[in-house]
Protein backbone atom coordinates (compact mmCIF):
# COMPACT_ATOMS: atom_id res chain seq x y z
CA MET A 1 13.63 105.69 -48.80
CA THR A 2 15.24 107.01 -45.02
CA GLU A 3 14.02 104.44 -42.48
CA ARG A 4 12.72 106.92 -39.87
CA TRP A 5 12.73 110.29 -38.20
CA ALA A 6 11.86 111.30 -34.85
CA LEU A 7 9.95 114.47 -34.51
CA ALA A 8 9.05 116.47 -31.64
CA THR A 9 6.92 119.57 -31.58
CA ALA A 10 8.65 123.13 -30.64
CA GLU A 11 7.24 126.50 -29.63
CA GLY A 12 5.80 128.72 -31.99
CA GLY A 13 4.78 125.79 -34.32
CA GLY A 14 7.71 124.62 -35.05
CA ALA A 15 9.74 121.14 -35.15
CA LEU A 16 13.26 119.34 -33.41
CA LEU A 17 14.17 116.30 -35.90
CA ALA A 18 16.62 113.99 -35.53
CA PRO A 19 16.94 111.17 -38.26
CA LEU A 20 17.16 107.81 -36.59
CA ARG A 21 19.25 104.44 -36.68
CA ARG A 22 17.52 101.37 -36.34
CA ASP A 23 18.30 100.55 -32.46
CA GLY A 24 16.38 104.33 -31.77
CA THR A 25 19.38 106.23 -31.36
CA PRO A 26 20.04 109.32 -33.60
CA ASP A 27 21.60 108.63 -36.84
CA GLY A 28 22.69 112.76 -36.93
CA PRO A 29 22.25 116.20 -35.78
CA VAL A 30 19.04 117.54 -34.40
CA ARG A 31 17.57 120.20 -36.41
CA ALA A 32 15.23 122.75 -35.64
CA GLU A 33 12.77 123.93 -38.31
CA PRO A 34 10.44 126.70 -37.79
CA ASP A 35 7.73 124.79 -39.25
CA LEU A 36 6.36 121.76 -38.57
CA VAL A 37 4.09 121.20 -41.68
CA GLU A 38 6.96 122.11 -43.87
CA ALA A 39 9.35 120.35 -42.26
CA VAL A 40 7.69 117.08 -42.67
CA ARG A 41 6.30 118.08 -46.41
CA SER A 42 9.67 118.58 -47.01
CA ARG A 43 11.06 115.15 -46.18
CA PRO A 44 8.55 112.73 -48.42
CA GLU A 45 11.09 110.08 -48.66
CA VAL A 46 10.85 109.24 -44.65
CA ALA A 47 8.87 105.58 -44.71
CA ARG A 48 8.35 106.23 -40.87
CA TRP A 49 7.71 109.44 -38.58
CA VAL A 50 8.25 108.56 -34.79
CA TRP A 51 6.12 111.39 -32.40
CA ARG A 52 5.21 111.25 -29.17
CA SER A 53 1.06 111.73 -29.98
CA THR A 54 -0.52 111.39 -33.84
CA ALA A 55 -3.29 113.35 -31.94
CA GLU A 56 -0.78 116.31 -31.27
CA VAL A 57 0.83 116.38 -35.27
CA TYR A 58 -1.18 114.83 -37.53
CA PRO A 59 -4.30 116.79 -37.66
CA ARG A 60 -2.20 120.00 -37.91
CA LEU A 61 -0.58 117.80 -41.22
CA LEU A 62 -4.11 116.91 -42.58
CA ALA A 63 -5.29 120.41 -42.68
CA ALA A 64 -2.46 121.57 -44.75
CA GLY A 65 -2.62 118.76 -47.45
CA VAL A 66 0.48 116.81 -45.71
CA ARG A 67 -0.25 112.95 -45.68
CA VAL A 68 2.11 110.64 -43.55
CA GLU A 69 2.56 107.03 -44.90
CA ARG A 70 3.42 105.38 -41.63
CA CYS A 71 4.34 106.40 -38.03
CA TYR A 72 5.43 105.10 -34.41
CA ASP A 73 3.14 106.74 -31.62
CA ILE A 74 5.57 106.85 -28.78
CA GLU A 75 2.16 106.68 -26.02
CA CYS A 76 0.34 104.04 -28.67
CA ALA A 77 3.49 101.78 -27.89
CA GLU A 78 3.96 102.80 -24.10
CA SER A 79 0.01 101.55 -23.51
CA LEU A 80 0.41 98.45 -25.39
CA LEU A 81 3.59 97.34 -23.82
CA LEU A 82 2.37 98.25 -20.44
CA GLY A 83 -0.13 95.85 -20.59
CA HIS A 84 1.83 93.55 -22.21
CA GLU A 85 4.17 93.42 -18.77
CA GLY A 86 1.14 93.20 -16.70
CA ARG A 87 0.79 97.37 -15.92
CA LEU A 88 -2.19 98.62 -17.56
CA GLY A 89 -3.79 101.15 -15.57
CA GLU A 90 -0.13 103.05 -15.03
CA PRO A 91 0.52 106.56 -16.79
CA ARG A 92 0.99 105.78 -20.40
CA SER A 93 2.10 109.57 -21.20
CA ALA A 94 5.48 109.87 -22.38
CA ALA A 95 6.41 112.63 -19.69
CA ALA A 96 5.62 109.43 -17.21
CA ALA A 97 7.82 106.94 -19.53
CA LEU A 98 10.36 109.39 -19.04
CA ALA A 99 10.40 109.59 -15.13
CA ARG A 100 9.98 105.93 -15.06
CA LEU A 101 13.30 105.89 -16.82
CA ASP A 102 14.92 108.61 -14.46
CA ASN A 103 13.53 106.78 -11.08
CA THR A 104 11.47 109.94 -10.73
CA ALA A 105 8.28 110.89 -9.39
CA VAL A 106 5.47 109.58 -12.24
CA PRO A 107 3.31 112.27 -13.70
CA PRO A 108 -0.37 111.23 -13.85
CA ASP A 109 -1.74 111.18 -17.02
CA PRO A 110 -3.98 114.41 -18.14
CA PRO A 111 -7.31 113.54 -17.95
CA ALA A 112 -9.49 112.95 -21.19
CA ARG A 113 -10.80 116.21 -22.76
CA PRO A 114 -14.62 115.64 -23.69
CA ALA A 115 -15.88 116.19 -27.43
CA GLU A 116 -16.53 119.56 -28.24
CA PRO A 117 -20.00 119.14 -30.79
CA GLY A 118 -19.64 120.97 -33.73
CA ALA A 119 -16.13 121.96 -33.20
CA GLN A 120 -13.07 121.10 -35.25
CA SER A 121 -11.83 118.63 -33.11
CA SER A 122 -10.27 118.54 -29.89
CA LEU A 123 -7.43 116.38 -31.89
CA PHE A 124 -6.44 119.98 -33.33
CA ASP A 125 -5.41 121.54 -29.81
CA PRO A 126 -2.08 119.96 -28.47
CA PRO A 127 -2.76 117.98 -25.40
CA SER A 128 -1.50 119.03 -21.74
CA GLY A 129 1.41 117.34 -20.68
CA THR A 130 3.45 117.63 -23.74
CA GLY A 131 6.49 119.17 -22.63
CA VAL A 132 8.63 116.19 -23.36
CA PRO A 133 11.67 117.09 -25.08
CA LEU A 134 13.02 115.16 -28.11
CA ASP A 135 15.96 113.92 -26.56
CA GLY A 136 13.62 112.50 -23.66
CA LEU A 137 11.21 111.03 -26.52
CA LEU A 138 14.56 109.32 -28.26
CA ARG A 139 15.46 107.55 -24.56
CA VAL A 140 11.50 106.50 -24.15
CA TYR A 141 12.03 105.18 -27.78
CA ALA A 142 14.92 103.19 -27.64
CA ASP A 143 13.88 101.77 -24.50
CA GLN A 144 10.38 100.68 -26.12
CA LEU A 145 12.46 99.19 -28.69
CA ARG A 146 14.01 96.59 -26.16
CA ARG A 147 10.98 95.80 -24.72
CA HIS A 148 9.44 95.03 -27.73
CA ASP A 149 12.40 92.50 -27.92
CA ALA A 150 11.52 91.11 -24.93
CA ALA A 151 7.66 90.56 -25.35
CA GLU A 152 6.69 86.86 -25.55
CA HIS A 153 5.92 87.17 -29.52
CA PRO A 154 8.56 90.29 -30.69
CA ASP A 155 7.79 90.06 -34.07
CA ARG A 156 3.68 90.40 -33.35
CA MET A 157 4.14 92.81 -30.66
CA ARG A 158 5.89 94.93 -33.31
CA LEU A 159 3.31 94.48 -35.78
CA LEU A 160 0.61 95.20 -32.98
CA THR A 161 2.08 98.73 -32.05
CA GLY A 162 2.98 99.41 -35.85
CA SER A 163 -0.67 98.55 -36.69
CA GLU A 164 -2.28 100.67 -34.00
CA SER A 165 0.01 103.10 -34.95
CA ALA A 166 -1.85 103.39 -38.51
CA ALA A 167 -5.01 102.85 -36.94
CA LEU A 168 -4.53 106.40 -35.19
CA LEU A 169 -3.41 107.79 -38.49
CA VAL A 170 -6.75 106.31 -40.09
CA ALA A 171 -8.67 107.55 -36.97
CA ALA A 172 -7.63 111.23 -37.94
CA GLU A 173 -8.05 111.04 -41.68
CA LEU A 174 -11.74 109.64 -40.80
CA HIS A 175 -12.23 112.38 -38.78
CA ARG A 176 -11.24 115.19 -41.57
CA ALA A 177 -13.05 113.42 -44.23
CA GLY A 178 -16.33 113.38 -42.37
CA LEU A 179 -19.59 110.71 -42.80
CA PRO A 180 -21.60 112.24 -45.69
CA TRP A 181 -25.15 113.32 -43.63
CA ARG A 182 -28.24 115.03 -45.27
CA ALA A 183 -29.56 117.26 -42.58
CA ASP A 184 -32.67 118.22 -44.25
CA VAL A 185 -33.00 113.95 -45.33
CA HIS A 186 -32.51 113.56 -40.94
CA ARG A 187 -34.99 116.48 -40.29
CA GLN A 188 -37.53 114.58 -42.65
CA VAL A 189 -37.23 111.07 -40.15
CA LEU A 190 -37.45 112.52 -37.01
CA HIS A 191 -40.66 114.47 -37.76
CA GLY A 192 -42.37 111.05 -39.35
CA LEU A 193 -40.74 109.67 -36.06
CA LEU A 194 -41.30 112.12 -33.42
CA GLY A 195 -44.08 114.33 -34.85
CA GLU A 196 -43.76 118.04 -34.02
CA ARG A 197 -41.62 119.93 -31.69
CA TYR A 198 -43.20 121.61 -29.07
CA ALA A 199 -41.67 125.47 -27.78
CA GLY A 200 -39.26 125.26 -24.82
CA GLY A 201 -37.59 122.05 -25.36
CA GLY A 202 -40.33 119.46 -24.06
CA GLU A 203 -40.88 115.91 -25.42
CA PRO A 204 -42.23 116.19 -29.39
CA ARG A 205 -45.64 115.57 -30.26
CA ARG A 206 -45.59 111.54 -30.57
CA LEU A 207 -43.39 111.18 -27.27
CA ALA A 208 -46.01 113.06 -25.52
CA GLU A 209 -48.64 110.78 -26.80
CA LEU A 210 -46.80 107.72 -25.56
CA ALA A 211 -46.62 109.13 -22.29
CA ASP A 212 -49.92 109.57 -22.09
CA GLU A 213 -51.09 106.07 -22.94
CA VAL A 214 -48.70 104.77 -20.67
CA SER A 215 -50.24 106.90 -17.50
CA ALA A 216 -53.55 105.83 -18.43
CA ALA A 217 -52.55 102.44 -18.64
CA PHE A 218 -51.42 102.39 -14.95
CA GLY A 219 -54.27 105.08 -14.43
CA ARG A 220 -51.74 107.22 -12.67
CA ARG A 221 -49.50 109.87 -14.13
CA VAL A 222 -46.41 107.52 -14.40
CA ARG A 223 -42.49 109.40 -16.08
CA PRO A 224 -41.71 106.43 -19.05
CA ASP A 225 -38.29 108.26 -19.08
CA LEU A 226 -37.72 107.28 -15.54
CA PRO A 227 -37.17 103.61 -14.82
CA ALA A 228 -37.69 103.95 -11.08
CA ASP A 229 -40.83 105.39 -11.94
CA VAL A 230 -41.78 102.15 -14.46
CA VAL A 231 -40.69 99.61 -11.82
CA LYS A 232 -42.82 101.48 -9.26
CA ALA A 233 -45.86 101.69 -11.26
CA PHE A 234 -45.81 97.79 -12.07
CA ALA A 235 -45.41 97.25 -8.78
CA ARG A 236 -48.35 98.93 -7.72
CA ALA A 237 -50.16 97.29 -10.31
CA GLY A 238 -48.95 93.56 -8.82
CA ILE A 239 -45.88 93.07 -11.13
CA ALA A 240 -42.88 92.75 -10.22
CA VAL A 241 -39.97 94.11 -12.80
CA LYS A 242 -36.32 94.70 -11.90
CA SER A 243 -35.69 97.02 -14.64
CA THR A 244 -37.29 98.19 -17.69
CA ARG A 245 -35.26 96.60 -20.44
CA ARG A 246 -36.97 95.52 -23.18
CA TRP A 247 -36.58 92.08 -23.11
CA GLU A 248 -38.16 91.83 -19.48
CA LEU A 249 -41.15 94.21 -20.52
CA GLU A 250 -42.15 91.94 -23.10
CA GLU A 251 -42.58 89.25 -20.95
CA VAL A 252 -45.10 90.92 -18.83
CA ASP A 253 -48.89 90.87 -19.07
CA HIS A 254 -50.07 94.77 -19.04
CA PRO A 255 -51.37 97.17 -20.95
CA ALA A 256 -48.49 99.78 -20.85
CA VAL A 257 -46.07 97.58 -22.07
CA GLU A 258 -46.71 98.33 -25.83
CA PRO A 259 -46.79 102.22 -25.52
CA LEU A 260 -43.78 101.77 -23.20
CA ILE A 261 -41.56 100.05 -25.40
CA ALA A 262 -42.36 102.31 -28.53
CA TYR A 263 -41.90 105.52 -26.06
CA LYS A 264 -38.07 104.21 -25.12
CA LYS A 265 -36.96 103.43 -28.54
CA LEU A 266 -38.51 106.98 -29.97
CA TYR A 267 -37.10 108.47 -26.78
CA ARG A 268 -33.63 107.11 -27.68
CA ILE A 269 -33.50 108.32 -30.54
CA TRP A 270 -34.65 111.99 -29.52
CA THR A 271 -32.13 112.10 -27.07
CA ALA A 272 -29.34 110.47 -28.91
CA HIS A 273 -29.73 111.46 -32.56
CA GLY A 274 -32.45 114.00 -32.82
CA TRP A 275 -32.55 117.84 -33.90
CA SER A 276 -29.97 118.78 -30.91
CA TRP A 277 -27.71 116.22 -31.73
CA LEU A 278 -28.00 117.54 -35.61
CA GLN A 279 -27.40 120.73 -35.03
CA ASP A 280 -24.02 119.96 -32.54
CA TRP A 281 -22.72 117.22 -34.84
CA VAL A 282 -23.16 117.70 -38.74
CA ARG A 283 -21.50 120.68 -40.55
CA ASP A 284 -21.55 121.30 -43.99
CA GLY A 285 -22.72 118.05 -44.78
CA ARG A 286 -20.64 115.99 -43.09
CA PHE A 287 -20.58 114.41 -39.14
CA ARG A 288 -17.18 114.17 -38.16
CA PRO A 289 -16.96 111.47 -34.86
CA GLU A 290 -13.68 111.44 -32.41
CA TYR A 291 -12.34 107.87 -33.37
CA GLN A 292 -10.31 106.06 -30.46
CA PRO A 293 -8.35 103.23 -31.33
CA GLY A 294 -7.93 100.84 -28.93
CA GLY A 295 -11.01 102.85 -27.02
CA THR A 296 -12.03 99.51 -24.93
CA VAL A 297 -9.60 96.97 -23.29
CA SER A 298 -9.94 94.30 -26.21
CA GLY A 299 -8.75 96.74 -29.08
CA ARG A 300 -11.75 97.76 -30.29
CA TRP A 301 -12.61 101.44 -31.50
CA THR A 302 -14.93 103.74 -29.39
CA THR A 303 -15.58 107.63 -30.09
CA ASN A 304 -15.59 110.33 -27.64
CA GLY A 305 -18.89 111.87 -28.53
CA GLY A 306 -21.64 111.51 -30.78
CA GLY A 307 -22.67 107.72 -30.86
CA ALA A 308 -20.97 106.99 -34.07
CA LEU A 309 -20.82 103.47 -33.50
CA GLN A 310 -24.43 102.78 -32.43
CA ILE A 311 -26.53 104.86 -35.51
CA PRO A 312 -29.84 103.42 -35.25
CA ARG A 313 -31.14 101.74 -38.83
CA VAL A 314 -33.87 104.38 -39.33
CA ILE A 315 -31.23 107.25 -39.11
CA ARG A 316 -29.02 106.07 -41.43
CA GLN A 317 -31.44 107.28 -44.02
CA ALA A 318 -29.58 110.58 -43.61
CA VAL A 319 -26.29 108.99 -44.59
CA VAL A 320 -26.34 110.04 -48.44
CA ALA A 321 -23.50 110.14 -51.47
CA ASP A 322 -22.61 113.06 -52.54
CA ASP A 323 -24.16 113.72 -56.55
CA GLY A 324 -22.45 111.44 -58.59
CA TRP A 325 -20.68 109.21 -55.38
CA ARG A 326 -21.55 106.09 -53.56
CA LEU A 327 -21.02 104.54 -50.44
CA VAL A 328 -19.46 101.23 -50.50
CA VAL A 329 -20.68 99.40 -47.23
CA ALA A 330 -18.48 96.36 -46.41
CA ASP A 331 -19.06 93.91 -43.90
CA ALA A 332 -16.83 91.33 -42.81
CA ASP A 333 -18.74 87.72 -42.35
CA GLN A 334 -18.47 85.70 -39.33
CA MET A 335 -15.38 87.43 -38.13
CA GLU A 336 -15.04 86.02 -34.72
CA PRO A 337 -15.72 82.09 -35.95
CA ARG A 338 -13.06 82.95 -38.69
CA VAL A 339 -10.18 84.29 -36.10
CA LEU A 340 -11.23 81.43 -34.02
CA ALA A 341 -10.33 79.12 -36.82
CA ALA A 342 -6.98 81.25 -37.48
CA ILE A 343 -5.98 81.61 -33.92
CA SER A 344 -6.51 77.82 -32.94
CA ARG A 345 -5.40 76.35 -35.69
CA ASP A 346 -7.72 73.68 -35.29
CA PRO A 347 -7.70 71.90 -38.10
CA GLY A 348 -11.45 70.83 -39.21
CA LEU A 349 -12.39 74.43 -38.46
CA MET A 350 -9.93 76.02 -40.33
CA GLU A 351 -11.21 74.05 -43.38
CA VAL A 352 -14.63 74.95 -42.61
CA ALA A 353 -13.40 78.52 -42.37
CA GLY A 354 -11.64 78.52 -45.35
CA HIS A 355 -14.47 79.13 -48.11
CA ASP A 356 -16.33 82.40 -48.59
CA GLY A 357 -19.76 81.18 -48.10
CA ASP A 358 -21.79 80.81 -45.43
CA LEU A 359 -19.83 79.76 -42.62
CA TYR A 360 -22.58 78.35 -40.35
CA THR A 361 -23.86 76.20 -43.00
CA SER A 362 -20.84 74.39 -43.16
CA LEU A 363 -20.26 73.58 -40.19
CA SER A 364 -23.43 72.21 -39.72
CA ALA A 365 -22.60 70.22 -42.50
CA LYS A 366 -20.13 69.05 -40.61
CA ALA A 367 -20.79 68.12 -36.81
CA PHE A 368 -25.03 69.32 -36.38
CA HIS A 369 -26.57 66.93 -39.07
CA GLY A 370 -27.14 70.42 -41.54
CA ASP A 371 -29.10 72.00 -38.54
CA ARG A 372 -27.12 75.79 -38.71
CA GLU A 373 -28.96 77.11 -36.08
CA HIS A 374 -27.48 74.70 -33.58
CA ALA A 375 -24.10 74.98 -35.57
CA LYS A 376 -23.99 78.93 -34.89
CA LEU A 377 -25.55 78.10 -30.99
CA ALA A 378 -22.56 76.01 -30.13
CA LEU A 379 -19.66 78.10 -32.19
CA LEU A 380 -21.34 81.54 -30.86
CA GLY A 381 -21.54 79.54 -27.14
CA ALA A 382 -17.81 78.36 -27.43
CA VAL A 383 -16.47 82.48 -27.37
CA TYR A 384 -19.17 83.73 -25.61
CA GLY A 385 -19.38 81.27 -22.72
CA GLN A 386 -22.84 79.84 -23.18
CA THR A 387 -22.30 76.92 -21.26
CA SER A 388 -25.63 75.51 -19.44
CA GLY A 389 -28.37 74.00 -20.79
CA ASP A 390 -28.67 73.50 -24.81
CA GLY A 391 -25.70 75.66 -25.12
CA LEU A 392 -23.77 73.00 -23.01
CA LYS A 393 -25.21 70.12 -25.38
CA ASN A 394 -24.06 72.49 -28.52
CA LEU A 395 -20.73 72.81 -27.21
CA ALA A 396 -20.03 69.03 -26.63
CA ALA A 397 -20.75 68.44 -30.25
CA LEU A 398 -18.24 71.35 -31.15
CA ARG A 399 -15.61 69.82 -28.83
CA ARG A 400 -15.56 66.27 -30.67
CA ARG A 401 -15.64 67.71 -33.97
CA PHE A 402 -13.27 70.82 -33.19
CA PRO A 403 -11.21 69.67 -29.99
CA LEU A 404 -8.17 72.38 -30.35
CA ALA A 405 -10.53 75.60 -31.33
CA VAL A 406 -12.87 74.42 -27.87
CA SER A 407 -9.44 73.85 -26.18
CA TYR A 408 -8.43 77.34 -27.42
CA VAL A 409 -10.93 79.37 -25.82
CA ASP A 410 -11.52 76.98 -22.50
CA ASP A 411 -7.86 77.27 -21.64
CA ALA A 412 -8.37 81.15 -21.95
CA ALA A 413 -11.38 81.20 -19.98
CA ARG A 414 -9.80 78.89 -17.27
CA ALA A 415 -6.89 81.67 -17.24
CA GLY A 416 -9.23 84.27 -16.25
CA GLU A 417 -10.74 82.11 -13.70
CA GLU A 418 -7.63 81.87 -11.77
CA GLY A 419 -6.36 85.67 -12.31
CA ARG A 420 -3.87 85.00 -14.84
CA LEU A 421 -3.73 87.34 -17.98
CA VAL A 422 -4.43 86.43 -21.37
CA ARG A 423 -3.40 87.89 -24.66
CA THR A 424 -4.36 88.61 -28.25
CA TRP A 425 -2.84 87.03 -31.21
CA LEU A 426 -0.90 89.95 -31.35
CA GLY A 427 -0.41 90.52 -28.59
CA ARG A 428 -2.74 93.07 -26.64
CA THR A 429 -3.16 91.73 -23.03
CA SER A 430 -6.09 91.03 -21.07
CA PRO A 431 -6.20 93.42 -17.92
CA PRO A 432 -5.68 92.72 -14.64
CA VAL A 433 -8.98 91.74 -12.55
CA ALA A 434 -9.23 94.83 -10.43
CA LEU A 435 -8.89 97.00 -13.60
CA ALA A 436 -11.04 94.49 -15.93
CA GLY A 437 -14.01 95.51 -13.21
CA GLN A 438 -14.08 98.79 -13.94
CA ASP A 439 -14.60 98.61 -17.86
CA GLU A 440 -18.21 98.26 -18.94
CA GLU A 441 -16.38 95.31 -22.04
CA ALA A 442 -15.29 93.07 -19.35
CA GLY A 443 -19.10 92.82 -17.98
CA LEU A 444 -17.79 91.77 -14.54
CA PRO A 445 -20.36 92.16 -11.61
CA GLN A 446 -19.42 94.93 -9.07
CA GLU A 447 -17.62 94.19 -5.96
CA GLY A 448 -19.53 93.93 -2.93
CA SER A 449 -22.56 92.82 -5.12
CA GLU A 450 -24.66 89.64 -4.46
CA ALA A 451 -23.14 88.12 -8.28
CA ALA A 452 -19.85 89.20 -7.19
CA ALA A 453 -20.32 87.28 -3.51
CA ASP A 454 -21.75 84.20 -5.19
CA GLY A 455 -18.76 83.65 -7.73
CA GLY A 456 -19.56 85.53 -10.10
CA THR A 457 -16.75 87.48 -10.60
CA THR A 458 -14.69 84.53 -11.16
CA ARG A 459 -17.10 83.14 -13.97
CA ALA A 460 -17.88 86.47 -15.46
CA ARG A 461 -13.70 86.82 -15.45
CA GLY A 462 -13.35 83.60 -17.37
CA ARG A 463 -16.18 84.42 -19.82
CA PHE A 464 -14.78 87.87 -20.34
CA THR A 465 -11.28 86.11 -21.28
CA ARG A 466 -12.55 83.61 -23.06
CA ASN A 467 -14.21 86.31 -25.40
CA PHE A 468 -11.01 88.48 -25.20
CA VAL A 469 -8.80 86.39 -27.35
CA VAL A 470 -11.02 86.25 -29.90
CA GLN A 471 -12.68 89.47 -30.33
CA GLY A 472 -9.23 91.19 -29.54
CA SER A 473 -7.77 88.94 -32.34
CA ALA A 474 -10.65 90.33 -34.56
CA ALA A 475 -9.46 93.84 -33.61
CA ASP A 476 -6.04 92.92 -34.15
CA TRP A 477 -7.10 91.76 -37.82
CA ALA A 478 -9.16 94.99 -38.26
CA LEU A 479 -6.13 97.19 -37.73
CA LEU A 480 -4.36 95.47 -40.50
CA LEU A 481 -7.82 95.71 -42.62
CA LEU A 482 -7.35 99.50 -42.48
CA ALA A 483 -3.93 99.80 -42.50
CA ALA A 484 -3.86 97.87 -46.18
CA LEU A 485 -7.19 99.27 -47.42
CA ARG A 486 -5.51 102.92 -46.56
CA ARG A 487 -2.66 102.16 -48.80
CA THR A 488 -4.24 100.64 -51.51
CA LEU A 489 -6.71 103.88 -52.12
CA HIS A 490 -3.36 105.74 -51.99
CA GLU A 491 -1.85 104.12 -53.96
CA GLN A 492 -4.08 103.50 -56.52
CA ALA A 493 -4.20 107.34 -56.80
CA LEU A 494 -8.33 106.77 -56.06
CA ARG A 495 -10.85 109.55 -54.99
CA ALA A 496 -11.96 107.23 -52.96
CA GLU A 497 -12.13 108.29 -48.78
CA LEU A 498 -12.52 106.04 -45.94
CA VAL A 499 -15.24 107.39 -44.01
CA PHE A 500 -16.39 105.47 -41.38
CA PHE A 501 -15.48 101.99 -39.21
CA GLN A 502 -16.68 100.06 -36.71
CA HIS A 503 -15.93 96.42 -35.70
CA ASP A 504 -16.05 94.48 -38.63
CA GLU A 505 -17.63 97.66 -40.87
CA VAL A 506 -16.15 99.87 -43.27
CA ILE A 507 -17.78 102.50 -45.22
CA VAL A 508 -15.65 104.11 -48.10
CA HIS A 509 -17.25 107.37 -50.26
CA CYS A 510 -16.40 107.31 -53.82
CA PRO A 511 -17.00 108.40 -57.22
CA ALA A 512 -19.11 105.86 -59.03
CA GLU A 513 -16.95 104.85 -61.32
CA GLU A 514 -14.64 103.78 -58.78
CA ALA A 515 -16.82 101.70 -56.71
CA ASP A 516 -15.65 98.27 -58.19
CA ALA A 517 -11.67 99.31 -57.94
CA VAL A 518 -12.85 99.77 -54.23
CA THR A 519 -14.64 97.06 -53.58
CA GLU A 520 -11.50 95.35 -55.08
CA ALA A 521 -9.32 97.05 -52.60
CA ILE A 522 -11.42 95.80 -49.44
CA ARG A 523 -11.90 92.54 -50.51
CA ALA A 524 -8.13 92.12 -51.44
CA ALA A 525 -7.60 94.19 -47.75
CA GLY A 526 -8.88 91.69 -45.52
CA GLU A 527 -7.37 88.57 -47.45
CA LEU A 528 -4.01 90.42 -46.91
CA ALA A 529 -4.74 91.56 -43.56
CA GLY A 530 -5.40 88.14 -42.57
CA ARG A 531 -2.02 86.44 -43.62
CA ILE A 532 -0.11 89.45 -41.87
CA THR A 533 -2.09 88.77 -38.76
CA PHE A 534 -2.23 84.84 -38.64
CA GLY A 535 0.28 84.13 -40.79
CA PRO A 536 -0.28 81.25 -43.60
CA THR A 537 -3.77 79.46 -42.72
CA PRO A 538 -6.28 78.66 -45.25
CA VAL A 539 -9.30 80.87 -43.09
CA ARG A 540 -10.74 83.35 -45.64
CA PHE A 541 -11.92 86.25 -44.80
CA PRO A 542 -15.08 87.66 -46.85
CA PHE A 543 -17.21 90.34 -47.05
CA THR A 544 -20.84 91.20 -47.70
CA THR A 545 -20.45 94.27 -49.65
CA ALA A 546 -23.27 96.93 -51.05
CA VAL A 547 -22.99 99.85 -53.31
CA VAL A 548 -25.35 101.76 -52.28
CA GLU A 549 -26.33 106.26 -52.28
CA ARG A 550 -27.66 105.78 -49.06
CA TYR A 551 -26.55 104.17 -45.63
CA SER A 552 -29.95 102.16 -44.80
CA ASP A 553 -29.82 100.11 -48.25
CA ALA A 554 -26.77 98.66 -47.47
CA LYS A 555 -28.96 95.93 -45.31
């Protein structure tokens, strides 16, 4: 197969193409093709396409039935490289990268477009700022190859860029396939939970009833959908609460608490996955969210609208396989502790993680006298920074038995507290302190807040970087998992389709007779991803897999 070709979109749906040498320079003349789709379709021998943006090109190819095996996304690579160089937050577009090479004014990145519910996808509309000629793209690409060579671990960094580029292909394919969704079942669930809808779009019957119960408990009209109103109502009753979060409300002894908690749960379903959501997001029996690989600083995916990664358990009843088909739902078992074993190279923890059984049970036998709960709290405390109270005692026991694992996350926490950057195993880099404070995932106190003034920012930054090296490395592994599973399903000529992914869970929709093959493909992909991501270790990455007709039956 030809190693790689560069492709740039041209006016009128055409394309400019050039074969490439390994150093990124052209290996032949530039060719103009009148039809981008046919330009790719007619070159099945190309092993990897190099283009500006997968979101610009691939949905058009998928719509025409053209699948691409591999790609290199220049703007994805630019974002990863800027982060690795400590420059995360600088414009990541190809136009910006070219401007930096030319020492000219760097254009800002265009603003992200909100998803349009019910529309095909904003992925199908070429984004603004695409006017970078092919020769400019090639210059940027060649420079990126040199920057990969200069990375702390060049091979790992190249693997990260390649796997995140593959994830962008998967994201487009997930959108096109869609998650099977029964609108009639969804409506039945909503009616059972919320009752009848009233004319004019007001709250459904059950929410109205609960709102009345809340008001009656307070002895005055209270809007349970307004947290400030609820906090004031409790204050008038002589009870100080800082928020209406469930864990805080459950500590309060007041007759309004029970209906208020019930209201909040149903209100979220009504607003996030109610009748309006169903009308906006489900078309022709499919829910098609816009997945965004690397949407968080640690590399975890997000979605552009639709709430695909927060589908309530009760609403999952509406996710139903087609007739004669099944959903293969696979959850990675205790993924982050296994990842910690792999990246720390702690011999004892790798031994514990070298089996498919319950990791915490094995851990408890090694260091916690058979107490599984203490073993779990200790290991998760090490990852998430629970270093007080019982967490501190459990962490001390963990440190004695698994010193390299605890030192690994301790060193990451110390680096964060000192304002230094940390990296995932493949090289994704934590944001600078200023940018981390703008990201919800970082969980840092807001500048000027009481917590920040009391040193909370430093401690929170340490907790963030402690978790970043583990959670981000788990996201690295997940990228390779998806790439391996995608390839296997295609190579085995299965009709199965990847239809859902979040963090450590995948769903494949397949004919019933393919379910066993898909289950084995997921298992094999997880093990292969472990070897490719982390190199040779004894750590296993098993899955709990369920073959079901309905998503809600998987757990």
